[in-house]
Amino acid sequence: MPSLELSIDKQYGIYSKLFVTDELEFISPYLLLGYTVSKAELELTEPGVSFSETEKDISYGAGLNIELTQDFSFDLEFAQLIKTSTFEILSVNFGVTKKI
C-alpha cells in the first residue's frame, strides 16, 4: 500500500508583535503580523512520485506574554503562518525569555 509523506524543507519569516495594552500588571496580550515563506515536499512512496512547492503568505496570530519576574517571562501564541490553495500551516508556540 503506498504511503504519503509531507515534509517542510525550508521555512522562514519575519514577524512583529503589537502589544494591545500595557495597563495589565503582568499579562500583556499581543497581535502578531508577519510574512512567511515555506517550501514543502509531498512524496508518494510506492510509485516514487514527489511534488515540491514553495508558498508565501501573510501571517497573523495572537498571543499572551506573561511576566513572572522582571527578568523572566514566557509567551504562548497561536499563528496562521500559511494558508494557500496548496497547503496550510498553523502554529502554536511557547517561548521563554530570560533577560541577562
N, C-alpha and C. Protein backbone atom coordinates (compact mmCIF):
# COMPACT_ATOMS: atom_id res chain seq x y z
N MET A 1 0.85 -1.18 0.00
CA MET A 1 0.00 0.00 0.00
C MET A 1 0.89 1.24 0.00
N PRO A 2 0.67 2.16 -0.93
CA PRO A 2 1.51 3.36 -0.98
C PRO A 2 1.23 4.28 0.21
N SER A 3 2.28 4.97 0.65
CA SER A 3 2.10 5.94 1.74
C SER A 3 2.42 7.34 1.23
N LEU A 4 1.87 8.30 1.90
CA LEU A 4 2.01 9.70 1.53
C LEU A 4 2.78 10.41 2.63
N GLU A 5 3.83 11.17 2.26
CA GLU A 5 4.65 11.86 3.26
C GLU A 5 4.79 13.32 2.87
N LEU A 6 4.51 14.21 3.83
CA LEU A 6 4.66 15.64 3.63
C LEU A 6 5.78 16.14 4.53
N SER A 7 6.74 16.84 3.96
CA SER A 7 7.83 17.39 4.78
C SER A 7 8.07 18.85 4.38
N ILE A 8 8.44 19.64 5.37
CA ILE A 8 8.79 21.03 5.11
C ILE A 8 10.30 21.11 4.97
N ASP A 9 10.76 21.48 3.77
CA ASP A 9 12.19 21.57 3.51
C ASP A 9 12.80 22.81 4.14
N LYS A 10 12.18 23.96 3.91
CA LYS A 10 12.67 25.24 4.43
C LYS A 10 11.48 26.11 4.80
N GLN A 11 11.67 26.89 5.86
CA GLN A 11 10.63 27.85 6.22
C GLN A 11 11.30 29.02 6.93
N TYR A 12 10.96 30.21 6.52
CA TYR A 12 11.48 31.39 7.20
C TYR A 12 10.45 32.50 7.11
N GLY A 13 10.59 33.46 7.99
CA GLY A 13 9.64 34.56 8.01
C GLY A 13 10.12 35.69 8.88
N ILE A 14 9.38 36.77 8.84
CA ILE A 14 9.64 37.92 9.69
C ILE A 14 8.31 38.32 10.32
N TYR A 15 8.33 38.57 11.62
CA TYR A 15 7.10 38.80 12.36
C TYR A 15 7.28 39.98 13.31
N SER A 16 6.17 40.64 13.59
CA SER A 16 6.18 41.77 14.51
C SER A 16 5.05 41.56 15.53
N LYS A 17 5.33 41.93 16.78
CA LYS A 17 4.32 41.84 17.83
C LYS A 17 3.80 43.24 18.12
N LEU A 18 2.48 43.39 18.16
CA LEU A 18 1.83 44.64 18.52
C LEU A 18 1.11 44.39 19.85
N PHE A 19 1.67 44.94 20.93
CA PHE A 19 1.06 44.74 22.24
C PHE A 19 -0.21 45.57 22.34
N VAL A 20 -1.28 44.94 22.80
CA VAL A 20 -2.61 45.54 22.82
C VAL A 20 -2.75 46.54 23.96
N THR A 21 -2.21 46.21 25.13
CA THR A 21 -2.31 47.09 26.28
C THR A 21 -1.10 46.89 27.18
N ASP A 22 -0.72 47.93 27.89
CA ASP A 22 0.35 47.81 28.88
C ASP A 22 -0.19 48.15 30.28
N GLU A 23 -1.51 48.18 30.41
CA GLU A 23 -2.13 48.55 31.68
C GLU A 23 -2.29 47.37 32.63
N LEU A 24 -2.17 46.15 32.13
CA LEU A 24 -2.28 44.98 33.00
C LEU A 24 -0.95 44.79 33.73
N GLU A 25 -1.02 44.25 34.93
CA GLU A 25 0.17 44.19 35.78
C GLU A 25 1.27 43.28 35.23
N PHE A 26 0.95 42.04 34.89
CA PHE A 26 1.99 41.12 34.42
C PHE A 26 1.61 40.34 33.16
N ILE A 27 0.41 40.54 32.62
CA ILE A 27 -0.01 39.86 31.40
C ILE A 27 -0.14 40.89 30.28
N SER A 28 0.50 40.61 29.15
CA SER A 28 0.44 41.53 28.00
C SER A 28 -0.06 40.78 26.77
N PRO A 29 -1.32 40.97 26.38
CA PRO A 29 -1.80 40.35 25.14
C PRO A 29 -1.22 41.09 23.93
N TYR A 30 -1.00 40.34 22.85
CA TYR A 30 -0.46 40.97 21.64
C TYR A 30 -1.02 40.32 20.39
N LEU A 31 -0.94 41.07 19.30
CA LEU A 31 -1.27 40.57 17.97
C LEU A 31 0.03 40.35 17.22
N LEU A 32 0.04 39.38 16.35
CA LEU A 32 1.22 39.01 15.58
C LEU A 32 0.92 39.22 14.11
N LEU A 33 1.83 39.87 13.40
CA LEU A 33 1.68 40.09 11.96
C LEU A 33 3.03 39.88 11.31
N GLY A 34 3.04 39.20 10.17
CA GLY A 34 4.32 38.94 9.51
C GLY A 34 4.14 38.35 8.13
N TYR A 35 5.24 37.76 7.64
CA TYR A 35 5.28 37.19 6.30
C TYR A 35 6.10 35.91 6.37
N THR A 36 5.57 34.81 5.83
CA THR A 36 6.23 33.51 5.88
C THR A 36 6.43 32.95 4.48
N VAL A 37 7.58 32.34 4.26
CA VAL A 37 7.89 31.60 3.03
C VAL A 37 8.19 30.17 3.44
N SER A 38 7.54 29.21 2.80
CA SER A 38 7.72 27.81 3.16
C SER A 38 7.83 26.95 1.91
N LYS A 39 8.80 26.03 1.91
CA LYS A 39 8.95 25.08 0.81
C LYS A 39 8.63 23.70 1.37
N ALA A 40 7.61 23.07 0.81
CA ALA A 40 7.17 21.75 1.27
C ALA A 40 7.28 20.75 0.13
N GLU A 41 7.48 19.49 0.50
CA GLU A 41 7.55 18.41 -0.48
C GLU A 41 6.57 17.33 -0.10
N LEU A 42 5.80 16.89 -1.07
CA LEU A 42 4.83 15.81 -0.90
C LEU A 42 5.34 14.63 -1.70
N GLU A 43 5.47 13.47 -1.04
CA GLU A 43 6.03 12.30 -1.72
C GLU A 43 5.12 11.10 -1.54
N LEU A 44 4.82 10.45 -2.66
CA LEU A 44 4.08 9.20 -2.67
C LEU A 44 5.13 8.10 -2.80
N THR A 45 5.30 7.28 -1.76
CA THR A 45 6.47 6.40 -1.68
C THR A 45 6.47 5.24 -2.67
N GLU A 46 5.35 4.62 -2.93
CA GLU A 46 5.38 3.42 -3.77
C GLU A 46 5.74 3.71 -5.22
N PRO A 47 5.07 4.61 -5.92
CA PRO A 47 5.49 4.85 -7.30
C PRO A 47 6.71 5.78 -7.39
N GLY A 48 7.17 6.32 -6.26
CA GLY A 48 8.34 7.20 -6.27
C GLY A 48 8.05 8.57 -6.84
N VAL A 49 6.85 9.07 -6.69
CA VAL A 49 6.46 10.38 -7.21
C VAL A 49 6.60 11.42 -6.10
N SER A 50 7.21 12.56 -6.43
CA SER A 50 7.30 13.63 -5.45
C SER A 50 6.93 14.95 -6.10
N PHE A 51 6.45 15.84 -5.29
CA PHE A 51 5.99 17.15 -5.73
C PHE A 51 6.49 18.17 -4.72
N SER A 52 7.13 19.24 -5.18
CA SER A 52 7.67 20.26 -4.29
C SER A 52 7.03 21.60 -4.64
N GLU A 53 6.68 22.36 -3.61
CA GLU A 53 6.00 23.63 -3.83
C GLU A 53 6.50 24.64 -2.80
N THR A 54 6.76 25.87 -3.25
CA THR A 54 7.11 26.97 -2.36
C THR A 54 5.94 27.94 -2.32
N GLU A 55 5.51 28.28 -1.13
CA GLU A 55 4.39 29.20 -0.95
C GLU A 55 4.79 30.35 -0.05
N LYS A 56 4.18 31.50 -0.25
CA LYS A 56 4.41 32.70 0.55
C LYS A 56 3.06 33.25 0.96
N ASP A 57 2.98 33.79 2.18
CA ASP A 57 1.70 34.32 2.62
C ASP A 57 1.89 35.27 3.80
N ILE A 58 0.92 36.14 3.99
CA ILE A 58 0.86 36.99 5.16
C ILE A 58 0.53 36.10 6.36
N SER A 59 1.22 36.31 7.47
CA SER A 59 0.99 35.54 8.68
C SER A 59 0.37 36.43 9.74
N TYR A 60 -0.48 35.83 10.58
CA TYR A 60 -1.11 36.61 11.64
C TYR A 60 -1.44 35.69 12.80
N GLY A 61 -1.63 36.28 13.97
CA GLY A 61 -1.96 35.49 15.14
C GLY A 61 -2.15 36.37 16.35
N ALA A 62 -2.21 35.72 17.50
CA ALA A 62 -2.39 36.42 18.77
C ALA A 62 -1.69 35.63 19.85
N GLY A 63 -1.30 36.33 20.91
CA GLY A 63 -0.61 35.65 22.00
C GLY A 63 -0.70 36.41 23.30
N LEU A 64 -0.14 35.80 24.33
CA LEU A 64 -0.05 36.39 25.66
C LEU A 64 1.39 36.30 26.13
N ASN A 65 1.92 37.42 26.63
CA ASN A 65 3.23 37.44 27.26
C ASN A 65 2.97 37.57 28.76
N ILE A 66 3.52 36.65 29.54
CA ILE A 66 3.31 36.64 30.99
C ILE A 66 4.66 36.85 31.67
N GLU A 67 4.76 37.96 32.40
CA GLU A 67 6.00 38.31 33.08
C GLU A 67 5.94 37.79 34.51
N LEU A 68 6.80 36.81 34.82
CA LEU A 68 6.82 36.24 36.16
C LEU A 68 7.67 37.07 37.11
N THR A 69 8.83 37.51 36.63
CA THR A 69 9.69 38.43 37.37
C THR A 69 10.16 39.48 36.38
N GLN A 70 10.93 40.44 36.85
CA GLN A 70 11.43 41.49 35.97
C GLN A 70 12.37 40.93 34.89
N ASP A 71 13.02 39.80 35.19
CA ASP A 71 13.99 39.21 34.27
C ASP A 71 13.51 37.93 33.57
N PHE A 72 12.33 37.43 33.92
CA PHE A 72 11.88 36.14 33.39
C PHE A 72 10.42 36.22 32.96
N SER A 73 10.16 35.82 31.70
CA SER A 73 8.77 35.81 31.21
C SER A 73 8.61 34.67 30.22
N PHE A 74 7.37 34.37 29.89
CA PHE A 74 7.11 33.39 28.84
C PHE A 74 5.91 33.86 28.03
N ASP A 75 5.80 33.31 26.83
CA ASP A 75 4.66 33.68 25.98
C ASP A 75 4.08 32.44 25.32
N LEU A 76 2.80 32.55 25.03
CA LEU A 76 2.05 31.49 24.35
C LEU A 76 1.30 32.15 23.22
N GLU A 77 1.46 31.62 22.00
CA GLU A 77 0.80 32.25 20.86
C GLU A 77 0.28 31.23 19.87
N PHE A 78 -0.72 31.66 19.11
CA PHE A 78 -1.29 30.88 18.02
C PHE A 78 -1.11 31.72 16.76
N ALA A 79 -0.65 31.10 15.67
CA ALA A 79 -0.42 31.84 14.43
C ALA A 79 -0.86 31.04 13.21
N GLN A 80 -1.44 31.73 12.26
CA GLN A 80 -1.75 31.19 10.93
C GLN A 80 -0.57 31.63 10.06
N LEU A 81 0.37 30.71 9.78
CA LEU A 81 1.58 31.09 9.05
C LEU A 81 1.36 31.11 7.55
N ILE A 82 0.73 30.08 7.01
CA ILE A 82 0.48 29.98 5.56
C ILE A 82 -0.91 29.39 5.36
N LYS A 83 -1.67 29.99 4.47
CA LYS A 83 -2.95 29.41 4.06
C LYS A 83 -3.11 29.73 2.58
N THR A 84 -2.83 28.74 1.75
CA THR A 84 -2.95 28.90 0.30
C THR A 84 -3.77 27.73 -0.24
N SER A 85 -3.94 27.69 -1.53
CA SER A 85 -4.68 26.58 -2.14
C SER A 85 -3.87 25.28 -2.09
N THR A 86 -2.54 25.37 -1.93
CA THR A 86 -1.69 24.17 -1.90
C THR A 86 -1.63 23.54 -0.51
N PHE A 87 -1.34 24.35 0.52
CA PHE A 87 -1.28 23.82 1.87
C PHE A 87 -1.50 24.93 2.90
N GLU A 88 -1.68 24.51 4.16
CA GLU A 88 -1.94 25.42 5.27
C GLU A 88 -1.05 25.03 6.44
N ILE A 89 -0.44 26.03 7.09
CA ILE A 89 0.39 25.78 8.27
C ILE A 89 -0.11 26.65 9.41
N LEU A 90 -0.55 25.98 10.48
CA LEU A 90 -0.93 26.64 11.72
C LEU A 90 0.15 26.35 12.75
N SER A 91 0.35 27.28 13.68
CA SER A 91 1.42 27.11 14.65
C SER A 91 0.96 27.51 16.04
N VAL A 92 1.31 26.69 17.03
CA VAL A 92 1.13 27.04 18.44
C VAL A 92 2.54 27.08 19.03
N ASN A 93 2.91 28.22 19.58
CA ASN A 93 4.28 28.42 20.06
C ASN A 93 4.30 28.74 21.55
N PHE A 94 5.33 28.26 22.21
CA PHE A 94 5.57 28.56 23.61
C PHE A 94 7.00 29.05 23.71
N GLY A 95 7.21 30.23 24.26
CA GLY A 95 8.55 30.80 24.36
C GLY A 95 8.87 31.21 25.79
N VAL A 96 10.16 31.15 26.11
CA VAL A 96 10.65 31.57 27.41
C VAL A 96 11.72 32.63 27.19
N THR A 97 11.66 33.72 27.99
CA THR A 97 12.64 34.79 27.89
C THR A 97 13.30 35.00 29.24
N LYS A 98 14.63 35.00 29.25
CA LYS A 98 15.43 35.29 30.44
C LYS A 98 16.33 36.46 30.10
N LYS A 99 16.13 37.59 30.74
CA LYS A 99 16.96 38.78 30.50
C LYS A 99 18.23 38.67 31.33
N ILE A 100 19.37 39.00 30.71
CA ILE A 100 20.64 38.96 31.44
C ILE A 100 21.32 40.31 31.39
